[in-house]
Protein backbone atom coordinates (compact mmCIF):
# COMPACT_ATOMS: atom_id res chain seq x y z
CA MET A 1 -61.39 -10.06 70.30
CA VAL A 2 -58.34 -10.59 72.72
CA LEU A 3 -56.40 -13.59 73.58
CA TRP A 4 -56.05 -14.18 77.24
CA ARG A 5 -53.98 -17.18 78.83
CA MET A 6 -55.91 -18.79 81.95
CA HIS A 7 -54.66 -21.19 84.53
CA VAL A 8 -57.37 -23.23 86.26
CA GLN A 9 -57.21 -25.70 89.18
CA ILE A 10 -59.50 -28.58 88.06
CA GLU A 11 -60.47 -31.90 89.71
CA ASP A 12 -59.77 -35.02 87.86
CA ARG A 13 -63.18 -36.42 87.54
CA PRO A 14 -65.85 -36.86 84.55
CA GLY A 15 -67.81 -34.10 83.29
CA ARG A 16 -65.53 -31.34 85.10
CA LEU A 17 -63.94 -30.06 81.84
CA GLY A 18 -67.29 -29.91 80.45
CA GLU A 19 -68.52 -27.72 83.53
CA LEU A 20 -65.38 -25.54 82.73
CA ALA A 21 -66.41 -25.14 79.06
CA THR A 22 -70.10 -24.23 79.88
CA ALA A 23 -68.72 -21.56 82.37
CA VAL A 24 -66.38 -19.97 80.07
CA GLY A 25 -69.21 -19.74 77.11
CA ALA A 26 -71.82 -18.56 79.56
CA ALA A 27 -69.41 -15.51 80.14
CA GLY A 28 -69.39 -14.86 76.32
CA CYS A 29 -65.81 -16.36 75.97
CA ASN A 30 -64.62 -19.09 73.50
CA ILE A 31 -61.58 -21.65 74.44
CA ILE A 32 -59.25 -22.01 71.68
CA SER A 33 -56.95 -24.63 73.31
CA VAL A 34 -56.41 -26.56 76.55
CA HIS A 35 -53.40 -28.39 77.80
CA VAL A 36 -52.13 -29.83 81.05
CA VAL A 37 -49.10 -27.64 82.58
CA GLY A 38 -49.09 -28.73 86.23
CA GLU A 39 -48.92 -32.12 88.27
CA PRO A 40 -51.65 -33.54 90.36
CA ALA A 41 -51.93 -31.72 93.65
CA ASP A 42 -52.54 -33.62 97.03
CA ASP A 43 -56.29 -33.20 96.33
CA GLY A 44 -56.18 -35.01 93.00
CA SER A 45 -56.68 -31.43 91.00
CA ILE A 46 -54.48 -30.38 88.00
CA THR A 47 -53.44 -27.16 86.51
CA ASP A 48 -54.82 -26.84 82.90
CA GLU A 49 -53.78 -23.85 80.54
CA LEU A 50 -56.44 -22.52 78.53
CA LEU A 51 -56.17 -20.23 75.59
CA VAL A 52 -59.58 -17.95 75.75
CA ARG A 53 -60.73 -15.60 73.10
CA VAL A 54 -62.42 -12.79 75.04
CA PRO A 55 -64.80 -10.14 73.08
CA ASP A 56 -63.74 -6.56 73.40
CA GLU A 57 -66.98 -5.84 75.39
CA VAL A 58 -66.47 -8.55 78.03
CA ASP A 59 -64.51 -7.85 81.13
CA PRO A 60 -61.82 -10.53 81.66
CA THR A 61 -62.63 -10.51 85.25
CA ALA A 62 -66.32 -11.96 84.47
CA LEU A 63 -64.10 -14.89 83.14
CA VAL A 64 -62.69 -15.60 86.45
CA GLU A 65 -65.94 -14.96 88.21
CA ALA A 66 -67.77 -17.63 85.87
CA THR A 67 -65.14 -20.24 86.30
CA GLU A 68 -65.09 -19.54 90.28
CA GLN A 69 -69.08 -19.89 90.33
CA VAL A 70 -68.61 -23.66 89.60
CA GLY A 71 -65.98 -24.08 92.01
CA ILE A 72 -62.93 -24.24 89.81
CA ALA A 73 -60.21 -21.80 90.92
CA CYS A 74 -58.35 -19.41 88.36
CA THR A 75 -54.36 -19.30 89.44
CA LEU A 76 -53.53 -17.02 86.52
CA LEU A 77 -54.91 -14.68 83.96
CA VAL A 78 -52.56 -12.73 81.66
CA ARG A 79 -52.66 -11.42 77.84
CA ALA A 80 -51.57 -13.63 75.34
CA ASP A 81 -51.03 -13.26 71.52
CA ALA A 82 -51.78 -15.00 68.08
CA THR A 83 -48.22 -16.80 67.99
CA GLU A 84 -49.18 -19.00 70.76
CA LEU A 85 -51.71 -20.68 68.83
CA SER A 86 -49.38 -22.86 67.21
CA ASP A 87 -49.43 -26.37 68.05
CA SER A 88 -47.26 -27.19 71.27
CA ALA A 89 -46.03 -30.73 70.07
CA THR A 90 -45.07 -29.30 66.56
CA THR A 91 -43.45 -26.36 67.99
CA ALA A 92 -41.46 -28.63 70.50
CA LEU A 93 -40.30 -30.84 67.65
CA ALA A 94 -39.12 -27.88 65.51
CA LEU A 95 -37.12 -26.50 68.42
CA ALA A 96 -35.43 -29.97 69.11
CA ARG A 97 -34.35 -29.97 65.22
CA MET A 98 -33.17 -26.59 65.95
CA VAL A 99 -31.16 -27.80 68.83
CA VAL A 100 -29.81 -30.85 66.81
CA ALA A 101 -28.63 -28.64 64.08
CA ASP A 102 -26.93 -26.02 66.34
CA PRO A 103 -26.58 -27.43 70.10
CA GLY A 104 -25.60 -23.63 70.91
CA SER A 105 -28.97 -22.59 70.18
CA ALA A 106 -30.67 -24.75 73.33
CA PRO A 107 -30.91 -21.59 75.58
CA SER A 108 -32.94 -19.66 72.98
CA ALA A 109 -34.92 -22.81 72.19
CA VAL A 110 -35.90 -23.52 75.80
CA ALA A 111 -36.86 -19.72 76.32
CA THR A 112 -39.23 -20.15 73.30
CA MET A 113 -40.42 -23.30 74.80
CA LEU A 114 -41.57 -21.91 77.75
CA ARG A 115 -42.41 -18.40 76.45
CA ALA A 116 -39.98 -16.82 78.67
CA ARG A 117 -36.90 -14.55 78.21
CA LEU A 118 -33.05 -15.12 78.92
CA VAL A 119 -32.26 -12.90 81.84
CA ASP A 120 -28.84 -11.25 82.17
CA PRO A 121 -26.90 -12.85 84.91
CA ALA A 122 -25.84 -9.28 85.96
CA ALA A 123 -29.50 -8.39 86.04
CA GLU A 124 -30.63 -7.62 89.79
CA ASN A 125 -34.22 -8.20 90.98
CA PRO A 126 -35.75 -8.88 87.43
CA ALA A 127 -39.51 -8.28 87.07
CA GLY A 128 -41.64 -11.06 87.15
CA HIS A 129 -40.88 -14.80 88.16
CA LEU A 130 -37.21 -16.24 87.87
CA HIS A 131 -36.02 -19.83 87.55
CA VAL A 132 -32.33 -20.89 87.21
CA MET A 133 -31.73 -24.22 85.32
CA ARG A 134 -28.43 -26.23 85.33
CA VAL A 135 -28.19 -28.78 82.86
CA GLY A 136 -24.53 -30.23 82.37
CA THR A 137 -22.18 -26.86 81.56
CA LEU A 138 -25.40 -25.00 80.66
CA HIS A 139 -26.76 -22.46 83.09
CA LEU A 140 -29.71 -20.21 82.19
CA ARG A 141 -31.77 -17.68 83.98
CA LEU A 142 -35.27 -17.51 82.53
CA GLY A 143 -37.82 -14.81 83.54
CA ARG A 144 -41.51 -14.49 82.69
CA ALA A 145 -44.80 -12.79 84.02
CA TRP A 146 -46.22 -15.94 85.64
CA PRO A 147 -44.90 -19.04 87.54
CA PHE A 148 -43.14 -21.95 85.74
CA THR A 149 -44.54 -25.48 86.57
CA ALA A 150 -42.72 -28.63 87.20
CA THR A 151 -44.06 -30.25 84.01
CA GLU A 152 -42.77 -27.32 81.97
CA LEU A 153 -39.52 -27.21 83.29
CA SER A 154 -38.99 -31.06 82.80
CA ARG A 155 -39.68 -30.52 79.13
CA ALA A 156 -37.09 -27.65 79.15
CA ALA A 157 -34.38 -30.00 81.00
CA ALA A 158 -35.14 -32.46 78.18
CA LEU A 159 -34.23 -30.03 75.51
CA LEU A 160 -31.12 -28.83 77.32
CA GLU A 161 -30.15 -32.40 77.96
CA LEU A 162 -30.32 -33.27 74.15
CA ALA A 163 -27.82 -30.20 73.57
CA THR A 164 -25.62 -31.48 75.84
CA GLN A 165 -25.27 -35.10 74.57
CA ILE A 166 -24.67 -33.59 71.23
CA GLU A 167 -21.98 -31.49 72.31
CA MET A 168 -20.27 -34.54 74.32
CA ARG A 169 -20.24 -36.57 71.21
CA PRO A 170 -16.47 -37.01 70.54
CA ASP A 171 -16.67 -36.99 66.76
CA ARG A 172 -18.94 -33.85 66.68
CA ARG A 173 -17.12 -31.03 64.62
CA PRO A 174 -18.74 -28.36 62.62
CA ALA A 175 -19.89 -29.50 59.31
CA ALA A 176 -18.08 -27.55 56.10
CA ASP A 177 -21.57 -26.94 54.77
CA ARG A 178 -24.62 -27.62 56.99
CA ILE A 179 -28.71 -26.45 57.30
CA LEU A 180 -29.36 -24.60 60.07
CA LEU A 181 -32.89 -23.84 61.36
CA LEU A 182 -33.70 -20.49 62.27
CA ARG A 183 -36.06 -19.46 65.25
CA ASP A 184 -38.93 -18.83 62.59
CA GLY A 185 -38.61 -22.08 60.92
CA SER A 186 -36.67 -20.69 57.86
CA GLU A 187 -33.44 -22.36 56.89
CA VAL A 188 -29.93 -21.06 55.60
CA ARG A 189 -26.74 -22.87 54.73
CA LEU A 190 -23.68 -22.24 56.55
CA ARG A 191 -20.17 -22.85 55.21
CA PRO A 192 -16.65 -21.19 55.09
CA ALA A 193 -16.47 -18.11 52.64
CA THR A 194 -14.26 -18.51 49.63
CA PRO A 195 -12.91 -15.91 47.02
CA ALA A 196 -15.36 -17.23 44.55
CA ASP A 197 -18.14 -15.59 46.99
CA ALA A 198 -17.08 -12.06 45.98
CA PRO A 199 -20.08 -11.56 43.97
CA LEU A 200 -22.64 -13.04 46.98
CA VAL A 201 -20.92 -11.06 49.46
CA ALA A 202 -20.83 -7.87 47.39
CA ALA A 203 -24.58 -8.06 46.82
CA LEU A 204 -25.42 -8.72 50.25
CA HIS A 205 -23.35 -5.60 51.46
CA ALA A 206 -25.30 -3.31 48.89
CA ARG A 207 -28.45 -4.67 50.08
CA CYS A 208 -28.11 -3.68 53.62
CA ALA A 209 -29.45 -0.84 55.06
CA PRO A 210 -27.12 2.16 55.80
CA GLU A 211 -27.77 1.69 59.62
CA SER A 212 -26.68 -2.19 59.33
CA ARG A 213 -23.49 -1.07 57.30
CA ARG A 214 -22.63 1.51 59.74
CA SER A 215 -23.14 -0.94 62.69
CA ARG A 216 -20.64 -3.60 60.74
CA PHE A 217 -17.95 -1.00 59.37
CA LEU A 218 -18.94 2.06 61.28
CA SER A 219 -19.69 3.43 58.03
CA PRO A 220 -22.84 3.44 55.86
CA THR A 221 -21.09 3.58 52.55
CA PRO A 222 -22.86 1.16 50.10
CA GLN A 223 -19.52 0.26 48.27
CA LEU A 224 -16.87 -1.82 49.79
CA GLY A 225 -13.11 -0.12 49.91
CA PRO A 226 -9.88 -1.90 48.60
CA GLY A 227 -9.14 -4.76 50.54
CA GLN A 228 -12.45 -4.72 52.34
CA LEU A 229 -14.15 -7.56 50.11
CA ASP A 230 -11.09 -10.04 50.60
CA ALA A 231 -10.96 -9.55 54.35
CA LEU A 232 -14.79 -10.32 54.28
CA LEU A 233 -14.23 -13.28 52.40
CA GLY A 234 -11.19 -14.42 54.81
CA ASP A 235 -8.42 -13.76 52.26
CA GLY A 236 -7.04 -10.53 53.49
CA PRO A 237 -4.09 -9.80 56.23
CA GLY A 238 -4.78 -11.27 59.28
CA ALA A 239 -8.22 -12.75 58.20
CA LEU A 240 -8.30 -16.14 60.00
CA HIS A 241 -12.12 -17.47 59.34
CA ALA A 242 -15.14 -16.04 57.39
CA VAL A 243 -18.51 -17.95 57.60
CA LEU A 244 -21.13 -17.33 55.21
CA ALA A 245 -24.79 -17.70 55.38
CA LEU A 246 -26.72 -18.71 52.44
CA THR A 247 -30.47 -19.19 51.66
CA ALA A 248 -31.44 -22.77 51.72
CA ASP A 249 -31.00 -23.25 47.75
CA GLY A 250 -27.53 -21.58 47.83
CA GLY A 251 -28.29 -18.54 45.55
CA SER A 252 -28.04 -15.69 47.86
CA ALA A 253 -25.81 -14.67 50.79
CA VAL A 254 -27.97 -13.43 53.96
CA GLY A 255 -25.15 -13.05 56.25
CA ILE A 256 -21.56 -12.95 57.02
CA ALA A 257 -19.13 -13.35 60.10
CA ASN A 258 -15.49 -12.77 60.46
CA LEU A 259 -12.61 -13.50 62.76
CA ASP A 260 -9.42 -11.79 61.98
CA VAL A 261 -6.23 -11.42 64.02
CA SER A 262 -3.46 -8.96 64.09
CA ALA A 263 0.15 -9.99 63.18
CA ASP A 264 1.53 -7.12 64.96
CA ALA A 265 -0.44 -7.25 68.04
CA ALA A 266 1.37 -6.44 71.18
CA GLU A 267 -0.46 -9.46 73.14
CA PRO A 268 -1.07 -12.65 71.14
CA GLY A 269 -4.05 -14.88 71.73
CA TRP A 270 -6.68 -12.21 70.80
CA GLY A 271 -9.15 -12.03 67.63
CA ARG A 272 -11.68 -9.62 66.22
CA ALA A 273 -15.05 -10.56 65.45
CA ALA A 274 -17.69 -9.08 63.20
CA VAL A 275 -21.04 -10.12 61.94
CA LEU A 276 -23.01 -8.49 59.05
CA VAL A 277 -26.73 -9.96 58.60
CA GLU A 278 -29.19 -8.57 55.91
CA ASP A 279 -32.03 -6.50 57.56
CA GLY A 280 -34.78 -8.96 56.18
CA TRP A 281 -33.05 -11.97 58.01
CA GLN A 282 -32.36 -10.16 61.42
CA GLY A 283 -34.28 -11.07 64.41
CA ARG A 284 -34.07 -14.87 63.49
CA GLY A 285 -31.24 -15.91 65.80
CA LEU A 286 -28.89 -15.88 62.53
CA GLY A 287 -26.41 -13.46 63.75
CA THR A 288 -26.21 -15.22 67.00
CA ALA A 289 -25.42 -18.50 65.07
CA LEU A 290 -22.81 -16.96 62.87
CA LEU A 291 -21.24 -15.40 66.07
CA ARG A 292 -21.20 -18.72 67.86
CA ARG A 293 -19.42 -20.40 65.00
CA VAL A 294 -16.87 -17.68 65.38
CA VAL A 295 -16.56 -18.32 68.85
CA ASP A 296 -15.95 -22.03 68.30
CA VAL A 297 -13.43 -21.67 65.62
CA ALA A 298 -11.54 -19.25 67.84
CA GLY A 299 -11.19 -21.54 70.49
CA GLU A 300 -9.90 -24.15 68.08
CA HIS A 301 -7.14 -21.79 67.45
CA GLY A 302 -5.96 -20.99 70.86
CA ILE A 303 -7.44 -17.42 70.92
CA ALA A 304 -8.51 -16.51 74.62
CA GLU A 305 -10.05 -13.33 73.90
CA LEU A 306 -12.30 -11.47 71.10
CA THR A 307 -12.53 -7.87 70.42
CA GLY A 308 -14.95 -5.75 68.57
CA ALA A 309 -15.74 -2.16 67.54
CA ALA A 310 -19.31 -0.45 67.71
CA ARG A 311 -20.61 3.09 67.91
CA PRO A 312 -21.74 4.41 71.28
CA ASP A 313 -25.60 4.29 70.33
CA ASP A 314 -25.20 0.70 69.23
CA ILE A 315 -26.19 -1.60 71.76
CA GLY A 316 -27.01 -4.54 69.53
CA VAL A 317 -23.33 -5.77 69.38
CA THR A 318 -23.04 -6.11 73.42
CA ARG A 319 -26.32 -8.15 73.13
CA LEU A 320 -25.25 -10.24 70.41
CA LEU A 321 -22.09 -11.27 72.63
CA ARG A 322 -23.97 -11.78 75.57
CA ARG A 323 -26.22 -14.34 73.67
CA VAL A 324 -23.55 -16.43 72.96
CA GLY A 325 -22.54 -16.68 76.47
CA LEU A 326 -19.80 -13.93 76.82
CA ARG A 327 -19.32 -11.14 79.11
CA PRO A 328 -18.02 -8.21 77.25
CA SER A 329 -16.30 -5.29 78.60
CA ALA A 330 -16.35 -1.96 77.05
CA GLU A 331 -14.42 1.55 76.88
CA ILE A 332 -14.96 4.36 74.73
CA VAL A 333 -11.75 5.43 72.60
CA GLU A 334 -11.73 8.19 70.25
CA GLY A 335 -15.55 8.14 69.96
CA GLU A 336 -15.83 4.30 69.44
CA VAL A 337 -16.86 1.67 72.01
CA ARG A 338 -13.90 -1.08 72.20
CA LEU A 339 -15.57 -4.22 73.18
CA ARG A 340 -13.48 -7.21 74.79
CA ALA A 341 -14.77 -10.52 75.65
CA ALA A 342 -12.74 -13.47 77.25
CA LEU A 343 -13.50 -16.63 75.69
CA PRO A 344 -14.41 -19.89 78.02
CA THR A 345 -11.55 -22.05 78.89
CA PRO A 346 -11.81 -25.17 76.75
CA VAL A 347 -12.76 -28.57 78.36
CA ALA A 348 -10.21 -31.13 77.60
């Protein structure tokens, strides 16, 4: 069985949905879900989206032919996956909760809601359909394989407006200890790191795979060197801030981000950022949330530019910087990629 997404133009009259269901069933397929994704056209028809389970032995074109035989036009037929079987209303509420906890996660939340991807502003002529959304200070480029409908975009705009309203609250400041909802629904607790967290951070470092340690420290060594643990806890020379991500019960550290400044820097106003996330917690948006907290703290301390270092084959750091809205530049120095990213000017 294969899951397909299908858009149909259907008249709003009694019995028409029944005819559609009969046609799909006659083709040997089964409708899993149906919901409205488009507005009424001039002739009164609306766009419905179906998730249809098609047997392996059935050609998907037979599904299109079956609906067209009863006078219902098919405007889209693309492959779908099992993750899209989740209830759309429940998903929207979970995404709204994520945005309330972290307004900076609004772009990724909108992309998830629309089943789209965030398109790099530097990308030229991206494949598929592209839509640009501007709400308040947020400017998103969204892309996917099929067109966006006005109904979907209005829902996405509401989510962006929620993030904008929260950001505009005059009394909003990052909480010292708060719960963050990740993309997969799991929760972590974010708070500033302290010297008392040394055992948790040492255990986090030891659990990380060599590739993760190499990405963070440019070395896969399983043990932290002298002073490195203090620096991770925001207690070493030049350490300005360290934020720790813990499991919801607070019993285990799963990520940490650092912001350091150099006292002997030739140019003031820049800081060095770094993030480490345990392998099992990667891919959920935790690294992005940690770096976003570092960017906020850097802005509060008047830092105008972030720097970092990576191996030439490690493009994850650049992607992470772009996910938080920064535009990094890079140069290779002595076999390392030196990254620089200007921070946005704070709005009074």
